[in-house]
Amino acid sequence: MATNRTPPEDDQDTSKEEDQAAESPVVTAPRRGLVIVDLSHAQACAYARGQD
């Protein structure tokens, strides 16, 4: 169990790296994926409400 609480900085390092990587490269290619997800979410909401 003590080994699980040993790499606490590793988690923070990954979070910081992900934040930086999700602030630049995400607007290059994954941006389209985000748009698709947004549309899917909106469609799912409309579909759930019965508005299609």
PDB file of N, CA and C in Angstrom:
ATOM      1  N   MET A   1       0.835  -1.204   0.000  1.00  0.00           N
ATOM      2  CA  MET A   1       0.000   0.000   0.000  1.00  0.00           C
ATOM      3  C   MET A   1       0.872   1.257   0.000  1.00  0.00           C
ATOM      4  N   ALA A   2       1.986   1.164   0.705  1.00  0.00           N
ATOM      5  CA  ALA A   2       2.874   2.327   0.767  1.00  0.00           C
ATOM      6  C   ALA A   2       3.433   2.620  -0.626  1.00  0.00           C
ATOM      7  N   THR A   3       3.501   1.597  -1.464  1.00  0.00           N
ATOM      8  CA  THR A   3       4.036   1.819  -2.816  1.00  0.00           C
ATOM      9  C   THR A   3       3.031   2.611  -3.659  1.00  0.00           C
ATOM     10  N   ASN A   4       1.770   2.474  -3.337  1.00  0.00           N
ATOM     11  CA  ASN A   4       0.745   3.201  -4.091  1.00  0.00           C
ATOM     12  C   ASN A   4       0.794   4.689  -3.770  1.00  0.00           C
ATOM     13  N   ARG A   5       1.221   5.004  -2.564  1.00  0.00           N
ATOM     14  CA  ARG A   5       1.273   6.416  -2.160  1.00  0.00           C
ATOM     15  C   ARG A   5       2.675   6.988  -2.381  1.00  0.00           C
ATOM     16  N   THR A   6       3.459   6.316  -3.169  1.00  0.00           N
ATOM     17  CA  THR A   6       4.821   6.797  -3.406  1.00  0.00           C
ATOM     18  C   THR A   6       4.885   7.713  -4.634  1.00  0.00           C
ATOM     19  N   PRO A   7       4.190   7.385  -5.699  1.00  0.00           N
ATOM     20  CA  PRO A   7       4.236   8.239  -6.909  1.00  0.00           C
ATOM     21  C   PRO A   7       3.083   9.234  -6.970  1.00  0.00           C
ATOM     22  N   PRO A   8       3.090  10.219  -6.073  1.00  0.00           N
ATOM     23  CA  PRO A   8       2.031  11.242  -6.109  1.00  0.00           C
ATOM     24  C   PRO A   8       2.408  12.351  -7.094  1.00  0.00           C
ATOM     25  N   GLU A   9       3.701  12.530  -7.297  1.00  0.00           N
ATOM     26  CA  GLU A   9       4.155  13.561  -8.241  1.00  0.00           C
ATOM     27  C   GLU A   9       3.933  13.092  -9.665  1.00  0.00           C
ATOM     28  N   ASP A  10       3.968  11.796  -9.874  1.00  0.00           N
ATOM     29  CA  ASP A  10       3.765  11.266 -11.219  1.00  0.00           C
ATOM     30  C   ASP A  10       2.370  11.638 -11.708  1.00  0.00           C
ATOM     31  N   ASP A  11       1.407  11.585 -10.819  1.00  0.00           N
ATOM     32  CA  ASP A  11       0.025  11.926 -11.191  1.00  0.00           C
ATOM     33  C   ASP A  11      -0.069  13.405 -11.562  1.00  0.00           C
ATOM     34  N   GLN A  12       0.572  14.221 -10.752  1.00  0.00           N
ATOM     35  CA  GLN A  12       0.524  15.666 -11.026  1.00  0.00           C
ATOM     36  C   GLN A  12       1.260  15.981 -12.322  1.00  0.00           C
ATOM     37  N   ASP A  13       2.375  15.305 -12.551  1.00  0.00           N
ATOM     38  CA  ASP A  13       3.159  15.548 -13.762  1.00  0.00           C
ATOM     39  C   ASP A  13       2.317  15.215 -14.999  1.00  0.00           C
ATOM     40  N   THR A  14       1.592  14.130 -14.916  1.00  0.00           N
ATOM     41  CA  THR A  14       0.759  13.718 -16.063  1.00  0.00           C
ATOM     42  C   THR A  14      -0.368  14.728 -16.268  1.00  0.00           C
ATOM     43  N   SER A  15      -0.914  15.218 -15.191  1.00  0.00           N
ATOM     44  CA  SER A  15      -2.015  16.185 -15.292  1.00  0.00           C
ATOM     45  C   SER A  15      -1.505  17.471 -15.947  1.00  0.00           C
ATOM     46  N   LYS A  16      -0.328  17.890 -15.544  1.00  0.00           N
ATOM     47  CA  LYS A  16       0.235  19.133 -16.102  1.00  0.00           C
ATOM     48  C   LYS A  16       0.547  18.924 -17.590  1.00  0.00           C
ATOM     49  N   GLU A  17       1.105  17.763 -17.903  1.00  0.00           N
ATOM     50  CA  GLU A  17       1.460  17.485 -19.302  1.00  0.00           C
ATOM     51  C   GLU A  17       0.198  17.365 -20.148  1.00  0.00           C
ATOM     52  N   GLU A  18      -0.818  16.767 -19.605  1.00  0.00           N
ATOM     53  CA  GLU A  18      -2.077  16.600 -20.346  1.00  0.00           C
ATOM     54  C   GLU A  18      -2.728  17.967 -20.570  1.00  0.00           C
ATOM     55  N   ASP A  19      -2.631  18.825 -19.563  1.00  0.00           N
ATOM     56  CA  ASP A  19      -3.221  20.166 -19.679  1.00  0.00           C
ATOM     57  C   ASP A  19      -2.565  20.915 -20.836  1.00  0.00           C
ATOM     58  N   GLN A  20      -1.236  20.845 -20.883  1.00  0.00           N
ATOM     59  CA  GLN A  20      -0.504  21.559 -21.934  1.00  0.00           C
ATOM     60  C   GLN A  20      -0.779  20.922 -23.292  1.00  0.00           C
ATOM     61  N   ALA A  21      -0.851  19.605 -23.324  1.00  0.00           N
ATOM     62  CA  ALA A  21      -1.069  18.904 -24.600  1.00  0.00           C
ATOM     63  C   ALA A  21      -2.513  19.080 -25.054  1.00  0.00           C
ATOM     64  N   ALA A  22      -3.397  19.343 -24.123  1.00  0.00           N
ATOM     65  CA  ALA A  22      -4.821  19.518 -24.475  1.00  0.00           C
ATOM     66  C   ALA A  22      -5.136  20.989 -24.706  1.00  0.00           C
ATOM     67  N   GLU A  23      -4.091  21.814 -24.726  1.00  0.00           N
ATOM     68  CA  GLU A  23      -4.342  23.239 -24.953  1.00  0.00           C
ATOM     69  C   GLU A  23      -3.822  23.674 -26.322  1.00  0.00           C
ATOM     70  N   SER A  24      -2.997  22.823 -26.952  1.00  0.00           N
ATOM     71  CA  SER A  24      -2.445  23.198 -28.258  1.00  0.00           C
ATOM     72  C   SER A  24      -2.788  22.131 -29.308  1.00  0.00           C
ATOM     73  N   PRO A  25      -2.254  20.933 -29.163  1.00  0.00           N
ATOM     74  CA  PRO A  25      -2.508  19.863 -30.149  1.00  0.00           C
ATOM     75  C   PRO A  25      -3.998  19.528 -30.252  1.00  0.00           C
ATOM     76  N   VAL A  26      -4.729  19.770 -29.195  1.00  0.00           N
ATOM     77  CA  VAL A  26      -6.159  19.429 -29.209  1.00  0.00           C
ATOM     78  C   VAL A  26      -6.913  20.309 -30.199  1.00  0.00           C
ATOM     79  N   VAL A  27      -6.337  21.475 -30.489  1.00  0.00           N
ATOM     80  CA  VAL A  27      -7.010  22.389 -31.422  1.00  0.00           C
ATOM     81  C   VAL A  27      -6.542  22.119 -32.853  1.00  0.00           C
ATOM     82  N   THR A  28      -5.727  21.075 -33.020  1.00  0.00           N
ATOM     83  CA  THR A  28      -5.208  20.769 -34.366  1.00  0.00           C
ATOM     84  C   THR A  28      -6.040  19.673 -35.016  1.00  0.00           C
ATOM     85  N   ALA A  29      -6.022  18.484 -34.424  1.00  0.00           N
ATOM     86  CA  ALA A  29      -6.769  17.372 -35.021  1.00  0.00           C
ATOM     87  C   ALA A  29      -7.941  16.950 -34.130  1.00  0.00           C
ATOM     88  N   PRO A  30      -7.692  16.674 -32.864  1.00  0.00           N
ATOM     89  CA  PRO A  30      -8.775  16.228 -31.961  1.00  0.00           C
ATOM     90  C   PRO A  30      -9.898  17.261 -31.880  1.00  0.00           C
ATOM     91  N   ARG A  31      -9.656  18.443 -32.440  1.00  0.00           N
ATOM     92  CA  ARG A  31     -10.697  19.479 -32.380  1.00  0.00           C
ATOM     93  C   ARG A  31     -11.962  18.958 -33.076  1.00  0.00           C
ATOM     94  N   ARG A  32     -11.766  18.276 -34.171  1.00  0.00           N
ATOM     95  CA  ARG A  32     -12.908  17.745 -34.908  1.00  0.00           C
ATOM     96  C   ARG A  32     -13.636  16.724 -34.028  1.00  0.00           C
ATOM     97  N   GLY A  33     -12.850  15.913 -33.340  1.00  0.00           N
ATOM     98  CA  GLY A  33     -13.451  14.903 -32.465  1.00  0.00           C
ATOM     99  C   GLY A  33     -14.275  15.578 -31.379  1.00  0.00           C
ATOM    100  N   LEU A  34     -13.775  16.690 -30.889  1.00  0.00           N
ATOM    101  CA  LEU A  34     -14.504  17.412 -29.841  1.00  0.00           C
ATOM    102  C   LEU A  34     -15.832  17.911 -30.397  1.00  0.00           C
ATOM    103  N   VAL A  35     -15.789  18.396 -31.618  1.00  0.00           N
ATOM    104  CA  VAL A  35     -17.016  18.911 -32.237  1.00  0.00           C
ATOM    105  C   VAL A  35     -18.020  17.774 -32.373  1.00  0.00           C
ATOM    106  N   ILE A  36     -17.518  16.609 -32.821  1.00  0.00           N
ATOM    107  CA  ILE A  36     -18.410  15.445 -32.988  1.00  0.00           C
ATOM    108  C   ILE A  36     -19.019  15.076 -31.637  1.00  0.00           C
ATOM    109  N   VAL A  37     -18.192  15.111 -30.624  1.00  0.00           N
ATOM    110  CA  VAL A  37     -18.696  14.767 -29.285  1.00  0.00           C
ATOM    111  C   VAL A  37     -19.748  15.777 -28.859  1.00  0.00           C
ATOM    112  N   ASP A  38     -19.482  17.049 -29.163  1.00  0.00           N
ATOM    113  CA  ASP A  38     -20.439  18.098 -28.802  1.00  0.00           C
ATOM    114  C   ASP A  38     -21.771  17.843 -29.504  1.00  0.00           C
ATOM    115  N   LEU A  39     -21.690  17.548 -30.794  1.00  0.00           N
ATOM    116  CA  LEU A  39     -22.923  17.282 -31.556  1.00  0.00           C
ATOM    117  C   LEU A  39     -23.627  16.063 -30.981  1.00  0.00           C
ATOM    118  N   SER A  40     -22.847  15.048 -30.680  1.00  0.00           N
ATOM    119  CA  SER A  40     -23.437  13.818 -30.137  1.00  0.00           C
ATOM    120  C   SER A  40     -24.159  14.137 -28.834  1.00  0.00           C
ATOM    121  N   HIS A  41     -23.525  14.918 -28.000  1.00  0.00           N
ATOM    122  CA  HIS A  41     -24.123  15.267 -26.699  1.00  0.00           C
ATOM    123  C   HIS A  41     -25.413  16.062 -26.911  1.00  0.00           C
ATOM    124  N   ALA A  42     -25.360  17.008 -27.816  1.00  0.00           N
ATOM    125  CA  ALA A  42     -26.551  17.827 -28.084  1.00  0.00           C
ATOM    126  C   ALA A  42     -27.651  16.949 -28.668  1.00  0.00           C
ATOM    127  N   GLN A  43     -27.273  16.085 -29.586  1.00  0.00           N
ATOM    128  CA  GLN A  43     -28.271  15.196 -30.200  1.00  0.00           C
ATOM    129  C   GLN A  43     -28.846  14.262 -29.148  1.00  0.00           C
ATOM    130  N   ALA A  44     -27.983  13.750 -28.288  1.00  0.00           N
ATOM    131  CA  ALA A  44     -28.449  12.832 -27.236  1.00  0.00           C
ATOM    132  C   ALA A  44     -29.418  13.569 -26.322  1.00  0.00           C
ATOM    133  N   CYS A  45     -29.124  14.815 -26.020  1.00  0.00           N
ATOM    134  CA  CYS A  45     -30.008  15.601 -25.141  1.00  0.00           C
ATOM    135  C   CYS A  45     -31.358  15.810 -25.833  1.00  0.00           C
ATOM    136  N   ALA A  46     -31.301  16.201 -27.097  1.00  0.00           N
ATOM    137  CA  ALA A  46     -32.539  16.439 -27.850  1.00  0.00           C
ATOM    138  C   ALA A  46     -33.315  15.132 -27.982  1.00  0.00           C
ATOM    139  N   TYR A  47     -32.590  14.057 -28.257  1.00  0.00           N
ATOM    140  CA  TYR A  47     -33.253  12.759 -28.427  1.00  0.00           C
ATOM    141  C   TYR A  47     -33.910  12.325 -27.118  1.00  0.00           C
ATOM    142  N   ALA A  48     -33.201  12.575 -26.012  1.00  0.00           N
ATOM    143  CA  ALA A  48     -33.738  12.184 -24.700  1.00  0.00           C
ATOM    144  C   ALA A  48     -34.996  13.009 -24.398  1.00  0.00           C
ATOM    145  N   ARG A  49     -35.025  14.238 -24.866  1.00  0.00           N
ATOM    146  CA  ARG A  49     -36.183  15.107 -24.617  1.00  0.00           C
ATOM    147  C   ARG A  49     -37.304  14.781 -25.610  1.00  0.00           C
ATOM    148  N   GLY A  50     -36.953  14.086 -26.686  1.00  0.00           N
ATOM    149  CA  GLY A  50     -37.976  13.723 -27.665  1.00  0.00           C
ATOM    150  C   GLY A  50     -38.125  14.805 -28.720  1.00  0.00           C
ATOM    151  N   GLN A  51     -37.043  15.546 -28.956  1.00  0.00           N
ATOM    152  CA  GLN A  51     -37.101  16.614 -29.968  1.00  0.00           C
ATOM    153  C   GLN A  51     -36.296  16.224 -31.194  1.00  0.00           C
ATOM    154  N   ASP A  52     -35.581  15.079 -31.101  1.00  0.00           N
ATOM    155  CA  ASP A  52     -34.733  14.630 -32.201  1.00  0.00           C
ATOM    156  C   ASP A  52     -33.693  15.703 -32.475  1.00  0.00           C
TER     157      ASP A  52
END
